[in-house]
Protein backbone atom coordinates (compact mmCIF):
# COMPACT_ATOMS: atom_id res chain seq x y z
CA MET A 1 -61.73 -13.67 124.82
CA LYS A 2 -59.94 -11.63 122.40
CA SER A 3 -59.20 -12.77 118.84
CA ILE A 4 -55.82 -11.54 117.37
CA ILE A 5 -56.28 -9.88 113.89
CA TYR A 6 -52.66 -10.74 112.05
CA VAL A 7 -51.96 -7.44 109.91
CA GLY A 8 -49.38 -7.82 107.32
CA MET A 9 -47.82 -4.71 105.80
CA ASP A 10 -46.18 -4.60 102.43
CA VAL A 11 -44.81 -0.84 102.23
CA HIS A 12 -43.25 1.23 99.96
CA THR A 13 -42.25 4.91 99.58
CA THR A 14 -45.38 5.35 97.29
CA ASN A 15 -48.01 3.24 99.32
CA TYR A 16 -48.84 0.59 102.04
CA THR A 17 -50.73 -2.51 101.33
CA LEU A 18 -52.59 -3.62 104.43
CA SER A 19 -54.20 -7.12 104.52
CA CYS A 20 -55.76 -8.96 107.56
CA TYR A 21 -56.13 -12.84 108.94
CA THR A 22 -57.29 -14.76 111.54
CA VAL A 23 -56.32 -18.20 112.45
CA GLU A 24 -60.04 -19.48 113.34
CA ASN A 25 -61.15 -18.28 109.70
CA ASP A 26 -57.95 -19.34 108.00
CA MET A 27 -58.79 -16.54 105.66
CA SER A 28 -57.80 -13.13 104.59
CA PHE A 29 -59.79 -10.10 104.19
CA ALA A 30 -59.90 -5.95 103.92
CA THR A 31 -57.28 -6.34 102.02
CA ILE A 32 -56.73 -2.57 100.84
CA GLN A 33 -54.24 -0.13 99.89
CA VAL A 34 -53.50 3.65 101.35
CA GLU A 35 -51.30 6.52 100.99
CA PRO A 36 -47.91 6.09 102.73
CA ASP A 37 -48.90 7.43 105.91
CA TYR A 38 -49.01 6.11 109.60
CA LYS A 39 -52.44 7.61 110.34
CA ASN A 40 -53.91 5.81 107.14
CA ILE A 41 -53.06 2.57 108.96
CA LEU A 42 -54.49 3.63 112.64
CA LYS A 43 -57.85 4.83 110.60
CA TYR A 44 -57.67 1.26 108.93
CA LEU A 45 -57.26 -0.53 112.49
CA GLU A 46 -60.03 1.28 113.89
CA ASN A 47 -62.55 0.72 111.10
CA ILE A 48 -61.83 -3.15 111.34
CA LYS A 49 -61.85 -2.87 115.26
CA LYS A 50 -65.72 -1.28 115.12
CA ASN A 51 -66.95 -3.88 112.18
CA TYR A 52 -65.45 -7.10 113.83
CA ASP A 53 -67.96 -9.49 115.44
CA GLY A 54 -66.09 -9.44 119.15
CA PRO A 55 -63.67 -7.85 120.71
CA CYS A 56 -59.73 -8.27 119.00
CA GLU A 57 -56.27 -7.02 119.38
CA PHE A 58 -54.29 -6.54 116.45
CA LEU A 59 -50.39 -7.67 115.73
CA CYS A 60 -49.01 -5.66 112.78
CA GLY A 61 -45.65 -6.63 110.82
CA TYR A 62 -43.82 -5.68 107.86
CA GLU A 63 -40.59 -6.47 106.20
CA ALA A 64 -37.45 -4.82 107.20
CA GLY A 65 -36.51 -2.28 103.84
CA CYS A 66 -36.09 1.41 103.35
CA LEU A 67 -38.78 2.62 105.58
CA GLY A 68 -36.06 1.79 108.80
CA PHE A 69 -38.03 1.75 111.76
CA THR A 70 -39.84 5.16 111.29
CA LEU A 71 -42.86 3.33 110.71
CA TYR A 72 -42.43 1.01 113.71
CA GLU A 73 -42.01 3.84 116.16
CA ASN A 74 -44.72 5.80 115.02
CA LEU A 75 -47.10 2.46 115.68
CA LYS A 76 -45.50 1.82 119.07
CA ARG A 77 -46.26 5.30 119.98
CA HIS A 78 -49.62 5.04 119.70
CA ASN A 79 -49.70 1.39 121.70
CA VAL A 80 -50.13 -0.81 118.30
CA SER A 81 -48.24 -3.62 118.68
CA CYS A 82 -45.68 -4.19 115.66
CA ILE A 83 -42.81 -6.42 114.32
CA ILE A 84 -40.55 -5.90 111.64
CA LEU A 85 -39.62 -9.23 109.88
CA ALA A 86 -36.17 -10.15 108.25
CA PRO A 87 -36.23 -10.48 104.36
CA THR A 88 -34.31 -13.43 104.87
CA SER A 89 -36.95 -15.22 107.03
CA MET A 90 -39.57 -14.38 104.54
CA PRO A 91 -40.94 -17.46 101.71
CA VAL A 92 -39.91 -16.85 98.55
CA TYR A 93 -41.75 -16.80 95.44
CA LYS A 94 -41.70 -19.14 92.99
CA LYS A 95 -40.98 -18.50 89.20
CA THR A 96 -44.52 -19.48 88.37
CA GLU A 97 -45.80 -17.84 90.88
CA ILE A 98 -48.04 -14.24 90.17
CA LYS A 99 -46.07 -11.50 93.06
CA THR A 100 -48.36 -8.24 93.52
CA ASP A 101 -48.33 -6.26 96.89
CA LYS A 102 -51.44 -7.54 98.05
CA ARG A 103 -49.85 -11.64 97.83
CA ASP A 104 -47.16 -9.57 99.66
CA ALA A 105 -49.07 -8.04 102.67
CA MET A 106 -50.85 -11.45 102.56
CA LYS A 107 -48.13 -13.76 102.79
CA ILE A 108 -46.91 -11.21 106.12
CA ALA A 109 -49.96 -11.83 107.68
CA LYS A 110 -49.88 -15.43 107.73
CA CYS A 111 -46.32 -15.59 108.95
CA LEU A 112 -47.46 -13.20 111.54
CA ALA A 113 -50.25 -15.89 112.56
CA TYR A 114 -48.08 -19.28 112.18
CA ASN A 115 -44.78 -17.85 113.41
CA THR A 116 -42.41 -18.43 110.41
CA TYR A 117 -40.29 -15.32 110.29
CA THR A 118 -37.20 -14.12 112.18
CA ALA A 119 -37.79 -10.85 113.80
CA VAL A 120 -35.47 -7.80 113.03
CA HIS A 121 -33.82 -6.37 116.48
CA ILE A 122 -34.97 -2.90 117.16
CA PRO A 123 -31.76 -0.86 118.20
CA THR A 124 -31.46 1.78 120.97
CA LYS A 125 -31.86 5.52 119.66
CA GLU A 126 -28.34 6.06 120.93
CA ASP A 127 -27.33 3.12 118.75
CA SER A 128 -29.50 4.07 115.79
CA ASP A 129 -27.68 7.63 115.63
CA VAL A 130 -24.26 6.46 115.76
CA LYS A 131 -24.87 3.72 113.07
CA GLU A 132 -26.12 6.24 110.97
CA TYR A 133 -23.04 8.29 111.27
CA ILE A 134 -20.42 5.52 110.74
CA ARG A 135 -22.60 4.82 107.42
CA MET A 136 -22.45 8.24 106.59
CA ARG A 137 -18.75 8.45 107.34
CA ASP A 138 -18.10 4.86 105.31
CA ALA A 139 -20.08 6.19 102.27
CA HIS A 140 -17.36 9.12 102.18
CA LYS A 141 -14.83 6.52 102.41
CA ILE A 142 -16.07 4.95 99.22
CA ALA A 143 -16.40 8.66 97.64
CA LEU A 144 -12.52 8.96 97.97
CA LYS A 145 -11.98 5.66 97.02
CA LYS A 146 -13.85 6.63 93.68
CA VAL A 147 -12.02 10.11 93.45
CA LYS A 148 -8.60 8.56 93.58
CA GLN A 149 -9.53 6.11 91.00
CA GLN A 150 -10.42 8.91 88.40
CA ILE A 151 -7.40 11.10 89.09
CA LEU A 152 -5.12 7.68 88.46
CA ALA A 153 -7.40 6.77 85.43
CA PHE A 154 -6.80 10.32 84.09
CA CYS A 155 -2.94 10.21 84.37
CA THR A 156 -2.77 7.15 81.90
CA ARG A 157 -5.15 8.58 79.95
CA HIS A 158 -3.10 11.05 79.20
CA GLY A 159 0.72 9.21 79.42
CA PHE A 160 1.49 10.54 83.03
CA ARG A 161 3.02 7.57 85.25
CA PHE A 162 4.44 8.43 88.64
CA SER A 163 7.69 6.71 88.54
CA GLU A 164 9.37 8.51 91.66
CA GLY A 165 8.66 6.20 94.87
CA LYS A 166 6.28 2.75 94.77
CA ASN A 167 3.09 4.03 96.73
CA TYR A 168 0.34 6.40 95.76
CA TRP A 169 -1.31 8.64 97.41
CA THR A 170 1.91 9.92 99.78
CA GLN A 171 3.13 13.75 99.94
CA LYS A 172 5.56 13.06 97.22
CA HIS A 173 3.23 11.58 95.13
CA LEU A 174 0.79 14.76 95.36
CA LYS A 175 3.37 17.11 95.12
CA TRP A 176 4.01 15.24 91.39
CA LEU A 177 0.41 15.42 90.41
CA ARG A 178 0.05 19.20 91.13
CA GLY A 179 3.54 19.38 89.58
CA LEU A 180 2.64 17.56 86.20
CA ASN A 181 2.34 19.86 82.81
CA LEU A 182 -0.54 20.76 81.89
CA ASP A 183 -2.18 23.39 80.02
CA GLY A 184 -5.62 24.58 79.60
CA LEU A 185 -8.82 22.89 80.78
CA LEU A 186 -6.48 19.79 81.37
CA ARG A 187 -4.85 21.43 84.31
CA GLU A 188 -8.48 23.16 85.73
CA ILE A 189 -9.56 19.13 85.40
CA LEU A 190 -6.79 17.81 87.57
CA ASP A 191 -6.89 21.18 89.99
CA GLU A 192 -10.67 20.45 90.53
CA TYR A 193 -10.18 16.43 90.80
CA LEU A 194 -7.46 17.31 93.73
CA ALA A 195 -9.56 20.13 95.23
CA THR A 196 -12.44 17.04 95.63
CA TYR A 197 -9.47 14.78 97.11
CA THR A 198 -8.11 17.42 99.72
CA HIS A 199 -11.71 18.37 100.76
CA THR A 200 -12.94 14.78 101.20
CA THR A 201 -9.77 13.89 103.05
CA ASP A 202 -10.21 16.47 105.54
CA LYS A 203 -13.68 15.33 106.25
CA LEU A 204 -12.84 11.80 106.84
CA GLU A 205 -9.96 13.29 109.44
CA ARG A 206 -12.81 15.06 111.16
CA PHE A 207 -15.36 12.20 111.03
CA ASP A 208 -13.18 9.81 112.52
CA LYS A 209 -12.13 12.21 115.80
CA ARG A 210 -15.88 12.15 116.12
CA ILE A 211 -15.90 8.54 115.98
CA ALA A 212 -12.98 8.10 118.36
CA GLU A 213 -15.34 10.74 120.95
CA LEU A 214 -18.63 8.95 120.64
CA ALA A 215 -16.56 5.35 121.08
CA ALA A 216 -15.02 7.01 124.49
CA GLY A 217 -18.51 7.49 125.64
CA GLU A 218 -19.74 5.49 128.77
CA THR A 219 -22.00 3.35 126.96
CA TYR A 220 -19.09 1.93 124.34
CA ALA A 221 -15.91 2.86 125.69
CA LYS A 222 -15.47 -0.58 128.13
CA LYS A 223 -16.39 -2.86 125.06
CA VAL A 224 -14.82 -1.22 122.35
CA GLN A 225 -11.41 -1.20 123.90
CA ILE A 226 -12.13 -5.19 124.30
CA LEU A 227 -12.82 -5.60 120.77
CA SER A 228 -9.63 -3.85 119.65
CA CYS A 229 -7.61 -6.74 121.72
CA MET A 230 -8.29 -8.68 118.52
CA ILE A 231 -5.35 -8.10 115.22
CA GLY A 232 -7.62 -5.53 112.09
CA ILE A 233 -10.13 -4.35 114.80
CA ARG A 234 -9.60 -0.91 115.45
CA THR A 235 -12.19 1.94 117.06
CA HIS A 236 -13.90 2.29 113.80
CA THR A 237 -14.71 -1.47 113.14
CA ALA A 238 -15.31 -2.12 116.75
CA LEU A 239 -17.77 0.50 117.41
CA ALA A 240 -19.69 -0.15 114.03
CA LEU A 241 -19.88 -3.89 115.68
CA LEU A 242 -21.58 -3.19 118.71
CA VAL A 243 -24.36 -0.65 117.31
CA GLU A 244 -24.99 -2.64 114.15
CA THR A 245 -25.40 -5.95 116.33
CA GLY A 246 -26.69 -4.63 119.44
CA ASP A 247 -27.31 -7.19 122.01
CA PHE A 248 -24.75 -10.40 121.32
CA HIS A 249 -27.14 -12.50 123.34
CA ARG A 250 -29.63 -12.81 121.36
CA PHE A 251 -27.80 -15.11 118.99
CA LYS A 252 -27.28 -18.65 121.16
CA LYS A 253 -24.54 -20.08 118.85
CA ALA A 254 -21.43 -18.58 117.48
CA GLU A 255 -22.63 -20.01 113.84
CA GLN A 256 -26.08 -17.69 114.60
CA TYR A 257 -24.00 -14.81 114.60
CA ALA A 258 -21.76 -15.65 111.50
CA SER A 259 -25.14 -16.37 109.81
CA PHE A 260 -26.42 -13.01 110.39
CA LEU A 261 -23.35 -11.58 108.98
CA GLY A 262 -23.60 -13.85 106.10
CA LEU A 263 -20.38 -15.42 106.21
CA VAL A 264 -21.85 -19.30 106.12
CA PRO A 265 -21.75 -21.29 103.36
CA GLY A 266 -24.62 -22.10 101.63
CA GLU A 267 -25.79 -25.98 100.41
CA HIS A 268 -28.23 -26.82 97.68
CA SER A 269 -28.15 -30.84 98.29
CA SER A 270 -30.32 -32.99 97.41
CA SER A 271 -30.57 -37.05 97.57
CA ASP A 272 -27.27 -38.21 97.85
CA ASN A 273 -26.13 -35.27 95.32
CA GLN A 274 -24.39 -32.69 97.77
CA ARG A 275 -23.22 -28.71 96.19
CA ARG A 276 -21.43 -26.78 98.49
CA LEU A 277 -21.98 -22.80 97.35
CA GLY A 278 -20.16 -19.80 98.63
CA ILE A 279 -21.25 -17.50 101.64
CA THR A 280 -24.78 -16.83 101.54
CA LYS A 281 -24.35 -12.89 101.95
CA ALA A 282 -27.51 -13.08 103.51
CA GLY A 283 -27.31 -10.34 106.23
CA ASN A 284 -25.64 -7.19 107.66
CA SER A 285 -23.59 -6.37 104.58
CA HIS A 286 -21.56 -3.82 106.00
CA LEU A 287 -20.53 -5.82 109.00
CA ARG A 288 -19.67 -8.15 106.25
CA ARG A 289 -17.61 -5.82 104.52
CA LEU A 290 -15.55 -4.44 107.78
CA LEU A 291 -14.98 -7.80 108.85
CA ILE A 292 -13.26 -9.37 105.48
CA GLU A 293 -11.01 -6.03 105.86
CA ALA A 294 -10.03 -6.87 109.10
CA ALA A 295 -9.64 -10.07 108.05
CA GLN A 296 -6.80 -9.06 105.61
CA CYS A 297 -4.83 -8.17 108.50
CA TYR A 298 -3.97 -11.78 109.02
CA ASN A 299 -1.93 -13.06 106.01
CA ARG A 300 0.97 -11.16 106.89
CA GLY A 301 3.23 -11.07 110.27
CA LYS A 302 4.48 -14.25 112.20
CA VAL A 303 2.19 -16.55 114.27
CA GLY A 304 2.19 -15.57 117.86
CA TYR A 305 3.53 -11.77 116.71
CA LYS A 306 2.70 -8.62 118.47
CA SER A 307 2.94 -4.94 117.17
CA LYS A 308 3.16 -2.35 119.08
CA ALA A 309 -0.18 -0.97 117.99
CA LEU A 310 -1.74 -4.15 119.13
CA LYS A 311 0.18 -4.28 122.37
CA ALA A 312 -1.17 -0.79 123.11
CA ARG A 313 -4.66 -1.41 122.15
CA GLN A 314 -4.36 -4.89 124.59
CA TYR A 315 -2.96 -2.67 127.46
CA GLY A 316 -5.79 -2.45 130.52
CA ASN A 317 -7.73 -5.45 129.38
CA SER A 318 -8.20 -8.16 131.45
CA PRO A 319 -5.79 -10.94 131.75
CA GLU A 320 -8.65 -13.52 130.53
CA ILE A 321 -9.59 -10.79 127.57
CA ILE A 322 -5.82 -10.51 126.54
CA ALA A 323 -5.40 -14.58 126.49
CA TYR A 324 -8.50 -15.15 124.58
CA ALA A 325 -7.70 -12.68 122.01
CA ASP A 326 -4.17 -13.75 121.58
CA LYS A 327 -5.68 -17.61 120.93
CA ALA A 328 -8.02 -16.24 118.68
CA ASN A 329 -5.18 -14.16 116.99
CA GLU A 330 -2.53 -16.95 116.46
CA ARG A 331 -5.16 -19.73 115.71
CA LEU A 332 -6.59 -17.15 112.50
CA ARG A 333 -3.26 -15.86 111.48
CA ARG A 334 -2.12 -20.39 111.33
CA LYS A 335 -5.40 -20.75 109.55
CA PHE A 336 -4.77 -18.26 106.83
CA TYR A 337 -1.19 -19.32 106.11
CA ARG A 338 -2.19 -23.29 106.04
CA MET A 339 -5.20 -22.78 103.44
CA VAL A 340 -3.13 -20.51 101.23
CA LEU A 341 0.38 -22.21 101.80
CA LYS A 342 -0.31 -26.01 102.07
CA SER A 343 -3.83 -26.58 100.98
CA ASN A 344 -3.58 -23.76 97.91
CA LYS A 345 -6.52 -22.14 98.91
CA LYS A 346 -7.41 -18.58 96.99
CA HIS A 347 -6.72 -15.59 98.72
CA ASN A 348 -9.82 -14.45 98.90
CA VAL A 349 -11.42 -18.01 100.35
CA ALA A 350 -8.83 -17.69 102.74
CA VAL A 351 -9.47 -14.54 103.71
CA THR A 352 -13.57 -15.07 103.93
CA ALA A 353 -12.57 -18.44 105.96
CA VAL A 354 -10.70 -16.34 108.19
CA ALA A 355 -13.58 -13.58 108.61
CA ARG A 356 -16.32 -16.27 109.17
CA GLU A 357 -14.00 -17.47 112.54
CA LEU A 358 -13.34 -14.20 113.56
CA SER A 359 -17.17 -13.42 113.95
CA CYS A 360 -17.40 -16.19 116.06
CA PHE A 361 -14.53 -15.46 118.02
CA ILE A 362 -16.04 -11.91 118.46
CA TRP A 363 -19.47 -13.49 119.68
CA GLY A 364 -17.21 -15.36 122.11
CA MET A 365 -15.45 -12.16 123.37
CA MET A 366 -19.05 -9.89 123.82
CA THR A 367 -20.82 -12.98 125.73
CA GLU A 368 -17.91 -13.53 128.02
CA GLN A 369 -17.66 -17.03 126.96
CA THR A 370 -13.53 -16.58 126.70
CA ALA A 371 -12.75 -19.72 128.87
């Protein structure tokens, strides 16, 4: 009978720390540090196999981090069983404990042995590629926001105030910026800012068109159409939900999906003392931000009102899907107004609560539990 050797790997861009553990002996051994190359892990496993007393097989694991899925894929190609562990399921060090790479590797090996972890979902190559594209687009969106802030701050510092309209970044506002009476180097600075703004805006338009093309592909088209029935969810957000989540059925309950997004409230209670905390933020931060943005759309419009844009997005879906989406939209709008107007909750608290419930409705929609 083969023994199972659990190999914990504490991986960094500069080195890998490896440690073996067996349940039979209840001990860690062969803890070493190697250069950050998967080939060194293969050599390490081969040496352990040669020197181990009896037949054995390996189960490797490392904590999800900056290396992504590259190491996992390289080991898998060489028929090495590997698991990526979710950081939120790993043991937390106490303040009095010593933390080193070797201790981390040993802890990961024990987590593998006693199954005290949650495995990270491994996306398909198509999902992974689309996810990277969407995140690249969102990084440019953040850069555009930064440039806008810099332009407005520049104008404020030099005593220019836009009074020809209420909204910024309209054609009138841009014309006003280009027509400001500036001399010498200041004119050059503002022109450079505006050139960056125009260039980034053009790139974002191109990226959004490409995302629309990806969403219209055979893999995602139907699901994107279904998710777009919800207020605040359009092509970009719907596609991001699909590729970042992967298989919605891996979550047994809607609450588990909300927890995956870090939208559930924390708690620190002891005995009769109960202490409620804010949301855990322990999960997919990218999706959490997108759902918070989507939830902002529920703070305007009458309960039950459907805009022309929403009706257009719902067109072509089954009556069951549309009815489920309408039920969710009405409930979430009513929830927001009740929390803010009746219970006097802060705006951000109400938006976060709506985002949490929105994630539950999304889970129900994608797992076909719309009854």
